[in-house]
């Protein structure tokens, strides 16, 4: 590792990350928009104007050590990527888009004339869609064997760098004896009616993972869109019995006051909220497991800077870099030496739900359309 140069850069980046940086949000709440795996940032944010910078980078062509990254990360995550690039002499411009869905849509829209070289931060669902649309270039990073099979594409199109559990978070004081054991408790037990917080928008990655985790339990190849009637009834009940988010609502503020008892969020967001609100927050540990958002990286098919993209990702995903900059639980098993003990305890307390993400990617758009048009009150 280039220790002296890295130490200078990391001194700046660490100050930003440790000042309260969180994973980018894809969530269901104002708080989650600040702190989840798919961040609700401004519609498009870059260190420099996005359109001109991206266009200039593409015009440079092969051999120029400049890269454009499309991502849903937050400001601190973008700065970390840019600083890592500087360490090895590559200028990285991160174009921050509003959520994983928008990142995926932009890459697909630009398929025939790609601007981005790398896509970063979106989860299994988004990357499965990009792979199916032939928008990704397969590659094998040097740290490939340090990432277990469930956290990367078996065909080498994308790789996990950070993982976050998607949780049913609850206020233990408010719920009393009504501790939820699983998401299904929310719509099957009458005491939960109106007590759990749900965002009516289905565009966020966290929401899509929650819905995928529910619907996968009811897979029926003869059912509507591959789901049994029981499954669609469950999703309908999930929305019908919820407290639906209103404009201005802050999930964690309402949760810690006891105005609502529970709602979705991701691991880093829960731990941060405990500190921010000086409150105890617990989470359900379903026997079936919970969805995990895996922050992934991939190379865009048609990138004019393929060699630089491979070199950057070899270094960015390495243990020496990940253990310094990761704000989640690193996918690289050699990078976990500096993981926050609370994060490790939380992550170890839940198991990964077995979800067929190829099945999800194939059906998700149709599922969301049905949910939006027919099932959300």
Protein backbone atom coordinates (compact mmCIF):
# COMPACT_ATOMS: atom_id res chain seq x y z
CA UNK A 1 0.00 0.00 0.00
CA UNK A 2 1.17 3.54 -0.75
CA UNK A 3 1.20 4.43 2.93
CA UNK A 4 2.29 8.06 2.96
CA UNK A 5 0.01 9.19 0.16
CA UNK A 6 -2.86 7.13 1.53
CA UNK A 7 -2.45 8.49 5.04
CA UNK A 8 -2.69 12.06 3.76
CA UNK A 9 -5.85 11.31 1.80
CA UNK A 10 -7.40 9.14 4.48
CA UNK A 11 -6.89 11.83 7.10
CA UNK A 12 -9.33 14.01 5.19
CA UNK A 13 -11.78 11.29 4.22
CA UNK A 14 -11.94 9.74 7.69
CA UNK A 15 -12.94 13.06 9.19
CA UNK A 16 -15.89 13.22 6.82
CA UNK A 17 -16.91 9.61 7.34
CA UNK A 18 -16.58 9.65 11.11
CA UNK A 19 -18.52 12.88 11.43
CA UNK A 20 -21.72 10.94 10.95
CA UNK A 21 -21.52 9.63 7.43
CA UNK A 22 -23.90 6.81 6.75
CA UNK A 23 -24.75 4.57 3.90
CA UNK A 24 -26.79 6.06 1.17
CA UNK A 25 -30.54 5.76 1.66
CA UNK A 26 -33.14 3.89 -0.25
CA UNK A 27 -35.63 3.90 2.45
CA UNK A 28 -39.03 4.66 3.56
CA UNK A 29 -38.50 7.70 5.70
CA UNK A 30 -36.91 11.10 5.93
CA UNK A 31 -34.34 9.68 8.36
CA UNK A 32 -33.72 6.70 6.13
CA UNK A 33 -33.22 9.00 3.19
CA UNK A 34 -30.16 10.26 5.01
CA UNK A 35 -28.92 6.84 5.99
CA UNK A 36 -29.61 3.74 3.94
CA UNK A 37 -28.03 1.71 1.17
CA UNK A 38 -29.69 3.71 -1.52
CA UNK A 39 -29.51 7.34 -0.72
CA UNK A 40 -32.19 9.88 -1.48
CA UNK A 41 -29.85 12.68 -2.38
CA UNK A 42 -30.50 15.52 -4.77
CA UNK A 43 -31.58 14.29 -8.22
CA UNK A 44 -27.99 14.44 -9.46
CA UNK A 45 -24.97 15.55 -7.47
CA UNK A 46 -21.30 15.58 -8.39
CA UNK A 47 -18.24 17.43 -7.21
CA UNK A 48 -18.36 19.32 -10.48
CA UNK A 49 -21.32 19.87 -12.86
CA UNK A 50 -22.40 16.37 -13.88
CA UNK A 51 -23.21 16.79 -17.55
CA UNK A 52 -20.07 18.64 -18.61
CA UNK A 53 -17.73 16.59 -16.43
CA UNK A 54 -19.12 13.26 -17.58
CA UNK A 55 -19.11 14.29 -21.22
CA UNK A 56 -15.55 15.57 -21.05
CA UNK A 57 -14.43 12.33 -19.42
CA UNK A 58 -16.00 10.18 -22.11
CA UNK A 59 -14.51 12.28 -24.92
CA UNK A 60 -11.02 11.61 -23.61
CA UNK A 61 -11.34 7.98 -24.68
CA UNK A 62 -9.29 4.89 -23.93
CA UNK A 63 -6.09 5.33 -22.00
CA UNK A 64 -7.10 8.48 -20.11
CA UNK A 65 -6.94 7.79 -16.37
CA UNK A 66 -10.29 9.31 -15.60
CA UNK A 67 -13.41 7.44 -14.57
CA UNK A 68 -17.09 8.31 -14.17
CA UNK A 69 -19.02 6.42 -11.51
CA UNK A 70 -22.82 6.36 -11.31
CA UNK A 71 -23.91 5.75 -7.74
CA UNK A 72 -26.56 6.23 -5.09
CA UNK A 73 -23.96 6.81 -2.40
CA UNK A 74 -23.91 9.79 -0.05
CA UNK A 75 -21.46 12.69 -0.17
CA UNK A 76 -18.95 11.02 2.14
CA UNK A 77 -19.02 7.80 0.12
CA UNK A 78 -18.44 9.73 -3.09
CA UNK A 79 -15.50 11.58 -1.56
CA UNK A 80 -13.99 8.32 -0.34
CA UNK A 81 -14.11 6.88 -3.87
CA UNK A 82 -12.55 10.00 -5.34
CA UNK A 83 -9.77 9.98 -2.72
CA UNK A 84 -9.02 6.31 -3.37
CA UNK A 85 -8.68 7.13 -7.07
CA UNK A 86 -6.23 9.95 -6.34
CA UNK A 87 -4.10 7.51 -4.35
CA UNK A 88 -3.36 5.52 -7.52
CA UNK A 89 -3.39 8.42 -9.96
CA UNK A 90 -6.93 8.04 -11.33
CA UNK A 91 -9.37 10.95 -11.37
CA UNK A 92 -12.76 9.60 -10.29
CA UNK A 93 -15.93 11.66 -10.74
CA UNK A 94 -18.92 10.26 -8.84
CA UNK A 95 -22.33 11.18 -10.25
CA UNK A 96 -24.75 10.76 -7.35
CA UNK A 97 -28.28 9.89 -8.40
CA UNK A 98 -31.50 9.67 -6.42
CA UNK A 99 -31.70 6.03 -5.35
CA UNK A 100 -30.72 2.71 -6.83
CA UNK A 101 -33.66 2.66 -9.21
CA UNK A 102 -32.52 5.86 -10.88
CA UNK A 103 -28.95 4.57 -11.17
CA UNK A 104 -30.20 1.40 -12.86
CA UNK A 105 -32.53 3.30 -15.17
CA UNK A 106 -29.80 5.74 -16.23
CA UNK A 107 -27.33 2.99 -17.07
CA UNK A 108 -29.97 1.17 -19.11
CA UNK A 109 -31.03 4.35 -20.91
CA UNK A 110 -27.42 5.03 -21.91
CA UNK A 111 -26.71 1.45 -22.98
CA UNK A 112 -25.85 2.31 -26.57
CA UNK A 113 -23.68 5.29 -25.65
CA UNK A 114 -22.51 4.85 -22.04
CA UNK A 115 -21.16 7.79 -20.07
CA UNK A 116 -20.33 5.90 -16.88
CA UNK A 117 -17.43 3.49 -16.51
CA UNK A 118 -18.41 2.02 -13.15
CA UNK A 119 -21.69 1.53 -11.29
CA UNK A 120 -21.49 1.38 -7.51
CA UNK A 121 -23.77 1.01 -4.52
CA UNK A 122 -26.95 -0.52 -5.88
CA UNK A 123 -28.07 -3.92 -4.68
CA UNK A 124 -28.67 -7.41 -6.10
CA UNK A 125 -31.90 -6.39 -7.77
CA UNK A 126 -30.48 -3.49 -9.72
CA UNK A 127 -27.39 -5.39 -10.80
CA UNK A 128 -29.43 -8.43 -11.86
CA UNK A 129 -31.47 -6.13 -14.10
CA UNK A 130 -28.34 -4.55 -15.58
CA UNK A 131 -26.82 -7.97 -16.24
CA UNK A 132 -29.98 -9.17 -17.98
CA UNK A 133 -29.97 -6.03 -20.14
CA UNK A 134 -26.32 -6.62 -21.19
CA UNK A 135 -25.21 -3.39 -19.54
CA UNK A 136 -22.26 -4.87 -17.61
CA UNK A 137 -18.76 -6.02 -18.49
CA UNK A 138 -17.56 -9.17 -16.69
CA UNK A 139 -14.27 -8.93 -14.79
CA UNK A 140 -12.40 -10.67 -11.99
CA UNK A 141 -10.94 -8.41 -9.28
CA UNK A 142 -7.85 -9.44 -7.36
CA UNK A 143 -9.96 -9.84 -4.19
CA UNK A 144 -12.50 -12.14 -5.83
CA UNK A 145 -11.65 -15.14 -3.63
CA UNK A 146 -12.17 -13.06 -0.47
CA UNK A 147 -15.88 -12.55 -1.18
CA UNK A 148 -18.19 -15.49 -0.57
CA UNK A 149 -20.36 -16.75 -3.39
CA UNK A 150 -23.64 -15.35 -2.10
CA UNK A 151 -22.22 -11.83 -2.23
CA UNK A 152 -21.16 -11.77 -5.89
CA UNK A 153 -22.45 -12.75 -9.30
CA UNK A 154 -21.48 -16.31 -10.23
CA UNK A 155 -20.72 -15.16 -13.77
CA UNK A 156 -18.43 -12.34 -12.65
CA UNK A 157 -20.52 -9.33 -13.62
CA UNK A 158 -20.69 -7.69 -10.18
CA UNK A 159 -19.20 -8.05 -6.71
CA UNK A 160 -20.21 -7.07 -3.18
CA UNK A 161 -18.13 -4.62 -1.21
CA UNK A 162 -20.42 -3.94 1.77
CA UNK A 163 -23.44 -5.63 3.31
CA UNK A 164 -26.31 -4.27 5.41
CA UNK A 165 -29.14 -6.17 7.01
CA UNK A 166 -32.64 -4.90 6.16
CA UNK A 167 -34.42 -4.87 9.49
CA UNK A 168 -37.85 -4.63 11.02
CA UNK A 169 -36.75 -2.15 13.67
CA UNK A 170 -38.97 -1.58 16.72
CA UNK A 171 -39.19 0.37 19.95
CA UNK A 172 -38.96 -2.28 22.72
CA UNK A 173 -40.57 -0.03 25.33
CA UNK A 174 -43.52 0.79 23.09
CA UNK A 175 -44.22 -2.78 22.00
CA UNK A 176 -44.09 -4.22 25.51
CA UNK A 177 -45.05 -7.88 25.25
CA UNK A 178 -45.98 -7.54 21.56
CA UNK A 179 -42.45 -8.17 20.29
CA UNK A 180 -42.56 -8.97 16.56
CA UNK A 181 -40.89 -12.21 15.54
CA UNK A 182 -41.38 -11.67 11.83
CA UNK A 183 -42.82 -9.24 9.29
CA UNK A 184 -45.95 -11.38 9.10
CA UNK A 185 -46.90 -10.36 12.64
CA UNK A 186 -47.61 -6.85 11.37
CA UNK A 187 -50.70 -7.79 9.37
CA UNK A 188 -51.78 -10.97 11.13
CA UNK A 189 -51.91 -9.71 14.72
CA UNK A 190 -54.62 -7.12 15.50
CA UNK A 191 -52.53 -5.24 18.09
CA UNK A 192 -50.22 -4.09 15.27
CA UNK A 193 -52.89 -2.37 13.21
CA UNK A 194 -51.81 1.23 12.53
CA UNK A 195 -48.67 0.80 14.65
CA UNK A 196 -46.02 0.22 11.98
CA UNK A 197 -44.63 2.82 9.60
CA UNK A 198 -44.72 2.25 5.82
CA UNK A 199 -43.71 4.56 2.99
CA UNK A 200 -46.23 4.38 0.13
CA UNK A 201 -43.44 4.90 -2.43
CA UNK A 202 -42.03 1.69 -3.89
CA UNK A 203 -39.05 3.30 -5.61
CA UNK A 204 -36.54 2.88 -2.79
CA UNK A 205 -34.18 -0.08 -2.69
CA UNK A 206 -34.92 -0.89 0.96
CA UNK A 207 -38.65 -1.03 0.27
CA UNK A 208 -38.09 -3.22 -2.77
CA UNK A 209 -35.98 -5.63 -0.72
CA UNK A 210 -38.65 -5.81 2.00
CA UNK A 211 -41.35 -6.54 -0.60
CA UNK A 212 -39.11 -9.09 -2.33
CA UNK A 213 -38.50 -10.80 0.99
CA UNK A 214 -42.25 -11.07 1.57
CA UNK A 215 -43.22 -12.14 -1.95
CA UNK A 216 -40.49 -14.79 -2.25
CA UNK A 217 -42.19 -16.71 0.53
CA UNK A 218 -45.24 -17.10 -1.68
CA UNK A 219 -43.68 -18.10 -4.98
CA UNK A 220 -46.09 -19.99 -7.21
CA UNK A 221 -45.16 -20.43 -10.85
CA UNK A 222 -48.85 -20.85 -11.66
CA UNK A 223 -49.88 -17.75 -9.73
CA UNK A 224 -50.23 -14.17 -10.92
CA UNK A 225 -46.73 -12.85 -11.73
CA UNK A 226 -45.30 -15.96 -10.10
CA UNK A 227 -46.96 -15.30 -6.72
CA UNK A 228 -49.80 -17.17 -5.03
CA UNK A 229 -53.10 -15.53 -4.16
CA UNK A 230 -52.11 -15.84 -0.50
CA UNK A 231 -48.99 -13.83 -1.22
CA UNK A 232 -50.85 -10.96 -2.85
CA UNK A 233 -53.35 -10.97 0.03
CA UNK A 234 -50.39 -10.69 2.45
CA UNK A 235 -48.95 -7.66 0.66
CA UNK A 236 -52.37 -6.02 0.51
CA UNK A 237 -52.79 -6.57 4.25
CA UNK A 238 -49.29 -5.21 4.91
CA UNK A 239 -50.30 -1.86 3.44
CA UNK A 240 -53.90 -1.82 4.66
CA UNK A 241 -52.93 -2.28 8.31
CA UNK A 242 -49.98 0.14 8.33
CA UNK A 243 -49.54 3.73 9.35
CA UNK A 244 -48.80 5.25 5.94
CA UNK A 245 -46.10 7.91 5.94
CA UNK A 246 -47.31 11.50 5.59
CA UNK A 247 -45.35 14.45 4.29
CA UNK A 248 -42.89 15.66 6.91
CA UNK A 249 -42.89 12.44 8.94
CA UNK A 250 -39.56 11.33 10.40
CA UNK A 251 -39.60 7.60 11.08
CA UNK A 252 -37.01 7.49 13.85
CA UNK A 253 -38.45 10.54 15.61
CA UNK A 254 -41.87 8.88 15.62
CA UNK A 255 -40.43 5.49 16.60
CA UNK A 256 -38.45 6.74 19.57
CA UNK A 257 -41.46 8.71 20.86
CA UNK A 258 -43.68 5.64 20.56
CA UNK A 259 -45.96 7.25 17.97
CA UNK A 260 -45.30 4.17 15.86
CA UNK A 261 -43.90 0.90 17.11
CA UNK A 262 -41.91 -0.40 14.16
CA UNK A 263 -40.79 0.04 10.57
CA UNK A 264 -38.14 -0.85 8.05
CA UNK A 265 -34.58 0.38 8.06
CA UNK A 266 -31.10 -0.95 7.58
CA UNK A 267 -28.41 -1.87 10.07
CA UNK A 268 -26.23 1.25 9.98
CA UNK A 269 -29.30 3.50 10.11
CA UNK A 270 -30.59 1.73 13.22
CA UNK A 271 -27.29 2.01 15.08
CA UNK A 272 -26.93 5.67 14.12
CA UNK A 273 -30.49 6.44 15.24
CA UNK A 274 -29.80 4.91 18.65
CA UNK A 275 -27.01 7.46 19.08
CA UNK A 276 -28.85 10.40 17.51
CA UNK A 277 -31.99 9.91 19.61
CA UNK A 278 -30.33 8.43 22.69
CA UNK A 279 -32.84 5.60 22.49
CA UNK A 280 -32.92 1.84 22.51
CA UNK A 281 -34.00 0.26 19.23
CA UNK A 282 -34.40 -3.48 18.70
CA UNK A 283 -35.06 -5.55 15.59
CA UNK A 284 -36.90 -8.73 14.69
CA UNK A 285 -34.90 -11.88 13.95
CA UNK A 286 -37.19 -13.98 11.72
CA UNK A 287 -36.46 -17.67 11.43
CA UNK A 288 -36.57 -17.31 7.65
CA UNK A 289 -33.91 -14.60 7.83
CA UNK A 290 -33.91 -11.02 6.56
CA UNK A 291 -33.00 -9.48 3.22
CA UNK A 292 -29.49 -8.11 2.98
CA UNK A 293 -28.64 -5.11 0.88
CA UNK A 294 -25.29 -5.82 -0.73
CA UNK A 295 -23.54 -2.72 -2.02
CA UNK A 296 -21.97 -3.88 -5.24
CA UNK A 297 -19.63 -2.68 -7.94
CA UNK A 298 -19.56 -3.45 -11.63
CA UNK A 299 -18.04 -2.17 -14.85
CA UNK A 300 -20.32 -0.72 -17.49
CA UNK A 301 -20.35 -2.56 -20.80
CA UNK A 302 -18.83 -0.28 -23.40
CA UNK A 303 -16.61 1.68 -21.02
CA UNK A 304 -13.81 3.41 -22.93
CA UNK A 305 -11.63 3.22 -19.83
CA UNK A 306 -11.75 -0.50 -19.10
CA UNK A 307 -8.17 -0.93 -17.92
CA UNK A 308 -8.40 2.02 -15.53
CA UNK A 309 -11.75 0.75 -14.22
CA UNK A 310 -10.26 -2.68 -13.48
CA UNK A 311 -7.21 -1.15 -11.78
CA UNK A 312 -9.37 1.14 -9.66
CA UNK A 313 -11.70 -1.66 -8.52
CA UNK A 314 -8.76 -3.97 -7.74
CA UNK A 315 -7.54 -1.34 -5.30
CA UNK A 316 -10.88 0.03 -4.06
CA UNK A 317 -12.19 -3.41 -3.06
CA UNK A 318 -8.96 -4.56 -1.45
CA UNK A 319 -8.83 -5.32 2.27
CA UNK A 320 -6.42 -2.47 2.99
CA UNK A 321 -8.82 0.09 1.53
CA UNK A 322 -12.12 -1.46 2.62
CA UNK A 323 -11.15 -1.75 6.27
CA UNK A 324 -10.45 1.98 6.32
CA UNK A 325 -13.39 3.40 4.39
CA UNK A 326 -16.27 0.93 4.71
CA UNK A 327 -19.24 2.24 6.67
CA UNK A 328 -20.99 -1.13 6.46
CA UNK A 329 -19.94 -4.70 7.12
CA UNK A 330 -17.29 -5.41 4.43
CA UNK A 331 -17.94 -8.22 1.97
CA UNK A 332 -14.19 -8.80 1.75
CA UNK A 333 -13.58 -11.19 4.64
CA UNK A 334 -10.04 -9.88 5.13
CA UNK A 335 -11.34 -6.35 5.70
CA UNK A 336 -13.37 -7.01 8.85
CA UNK A 337 -10.69 -6.44 11.45
CA UNK A 338 -11.83 -2.90 12.22
CA UNK A 339 -15.60 -3.44 12.11
CA UNK A 340 -17.53 -1.65 14.87
CA UNK A 341 -18.35 -4.31 17.52
CA UNK A 342 -21.98 -3.14 17.59
CA UNK A 343 -22.24 -3.59 13.84
CA UNK A 344 -20.74 -7.06 14.09
CA UNK A 345 -23.13 -8.03 16.88
CA UNK A 346 -26.13 -6.77 14.91
CA UNK A 347 -25.07 -8.46 11.68
CA UNK A 348 -24.38 -11.74 13.45
CA UNK A 349 -27.81 -11.65 15.14
CA UNK A 350 -29.74 -12.15 11.90
CA UNK A 351 -29.32 -14.62 9.10
CA UNK A 352 -29.52 -13.98 5.38
CA UNK A 353 -32.89 -14.77 3.83
CA UNK A 354 -32.67 -17.05 0.80
CA UNK A 355 -34.05 -14.89 -2.00
CA UNK A 356 -33.93 -15.77 -5.70
CA UNK A 357 -32.81 -12.42 -7.11
CA UNK A 358 -32.99 -13.57 -10.72
CA UNK A 359 -36.67 -14.30 -10.08
CA UNK A 360 -37.03 -10.91 -8.41
CA UNK A 361 -35.33 -9.04 -11.25
CA UNK A 362 -37.51 -10.78 -13.82
CA UNK A 363 -40.75 -9.81 -12.07
CA UNK A 364 -40.06 -6.75 -9.94
CA UNK A 365 -41.38 -4.08 -12.29
CA UNK A 366 -44.66 -5.94 -12.71
CA UNK A 367 -44.92 -6.58 -8.97
CA UNK A 368 -44.43 -2.91 -8.17
CA UNK A 369 -46.95 -1.83 -10.78
CA UNK A 370 -49.58 -4.15 -9.31
CA UNK A 371 -48.80 -3.01 -5.77
CA UNK A 372 -48.99 0.68 -6.69
CA UNK A 373 -52.17 0.40 -8.76
CA UNK A 374 -54.11 -2.20 -6.79
CA UNK A 375 -52.82 -2.74 -3.27
CA UNK A 376 -51.67 0.53 -1.70
CA UNK A 377 -54.65 2.33 -0.15
